[in-house]
Amino acid sequence: MGVGAQSGFEVAFQEFVYYAGPMIQLAYWLVMIVAALWAVTLFKRWVEFRTGAKAGATDTAVPAAAPAPEKAISIDEFVE
């Protein structure tokens, strides 16, 4: 196909892509930024849920350590 006159649709489509292309690309990246921030927020909420952490709960009581066994454990039987 040789180089010739373009139809009206081709010219209109090329003009539309020329002007709308950068705007569509900008909208895409703005949506990607919002989606990334939303994903981080959801992940943070899930981690706080799984770990039991709560926002603003700095004075939460720490569970006491397990009591020491009454009888000392002999390790001699495990050492060769």
Protein backbone atom coordinates (compact mmCIF):
# COMPACT_ATOMS: atom_id res chain seq x y z
CA MET A 1 0.00 0.00 0.00
CA GLY A 2 1.49 3.30 -1.02
CA VAL A 3 1.54 6.55 0.83
CA GLY A 4 -1.58 8.47 -0.02
CA ALA A 5 -4.32 10.58 1.39
CA GLN A 6 -5.77 9.33 4.65
CA SER A 7 -9.46 8.99 5.27
CA GLY A 8 -11.30 11.29 7.63
CA PHE A 9 -11.64 8.57 10.27
CA GLU A 10 -7.89 7.88 10.31
CA VAL A 11 -7.09 11.54 10.77
CA ALA A 12 -9.70 11.95 13.50
CA PHE A 13 -8.49 8.82 15.30
CA GLN A 14 -4.86 9.91 15.17
CA GLU A 15 -5.80 13.33 16.52
CA PHE A 16 -7.82 11.71 19.32
CA VAL A 17 -4.90 9.45 20.28
CA TYR A 18 -2.51 12.40 20.11
CA TYR A 19 -4.53 14.40 22.65
CA ALA A 20 -6.17 11.67 24.73
CA GLY A 21 -3.15 9.36 25.00
CA PRO A 22 -1.21 11.38 27.58
CA MET A 23 -4.37 12.06 29.58
CA ILE A 24 -5.24 8.35 29.66
CA GLN A 25 -1.68 7.52 30.71
CA LEU A 26 -1.80 10.11 33.51
CA ALA A 27 -5.13 8.74 34.72
CA TYR A 28 -3.66 5.22 34.67
CA TRP A 29 -0.73 6.19 36.88
CA LEU A 30 -2.98 8.09 39.30
CA VAL A 31 -5.17 4.99 39.62
CA MET A 32 -2.05 2.86 40.19
CA ILE A 33 -0.89 5.17 43.00
CA VAL A 34 -4.30 5.01 44.69
CA ALA A 35 -4.42 1.23 44.31
CA ALA A 36 -0.93 0.86 45.81
CA LEU A 37 -1.84 3.03 48.81
CA TRP A 38 -5.06 1.07 49.29
CA ALA A 39 -3.14 -2.23 49.17
CA VAL A 40 -0.65 -0.97 51.77
CA THR A 41 -3.51 0.13 54.04
CA LEU A 42 -5.27 -3.23 53.73
CA PHE A 43 -2.03 -5.12 54.40
CA LYS A 44 -1.31 -2.94 57.45
CA ARG A 45 -4.80 -3.60 58.81
CA TRP A 46 -4.37 -7.36 58.23
CA VAL A 47 -0.98 -7.41 60.00
CA GLU A 48 -2.40 -5.49 62.96
CA PHE A 49 -5.32 -7.93 63.11
CA ARG A 50 -3.06 -11.00 62.97
CA THR A 51 -0.60 -9.66 65.55
CA GLY A 52 -3.23 -8.26 67.88
CA ALA A 53 -1.76 -4.77 67.67
CA LYS A 54 -4.21 -1.91 68.13
CA ALA A 55 -3.71 1.73 67.28
CA GLY A 56 -3.16 3.83 70.41
CA ALA A 57 -2.87 0.84 72.76
CA THR A 58 0.54 1.66 74.21
CA ASP A 59 -0.35 0.80 77.80
CA THR A 60 -1.45 -2.77 77.10
CA ALA A 61 -0.48 -5.17 79.83
CA VAL A 62 2.34 -7.50 78.85
CA PRO A 63 1.63 -11.14 79.70
CA ALA A 64 3.81 -12.54 82.44
CA ALA A 65 6.59 -14.96 81.57
CA ALA A 66 6.06 -18.65 82.20
CA PRO A 67 7.05 -19.68 85.72
CA ALA A 68 10.34 -21.47 86.13
CA PRO A 69 10.06 -25.26 86.53
CA GLU A 70 10.27 -26.46 90.13
CA LYS A 71 12.67 -29.28 89.38
CA ALA A 72 15.90 -28.47 87.58
CA ILE A 73 16.26 -30.30 84.31
CA SER A 74 19.34 -32.49 84.06
CA ILE A 75 21.08 -32.12 80.76
CA ASP A 76 23.76 -34.72 81.50
CA GLU A 77 21.68 -37.50 79.99
CA PHE A 78 21.57 -35.67 76.66
CA VAL A 79 25.30 -34.89 76.48
CA GLU A 80 27.60 -37.55 75.06
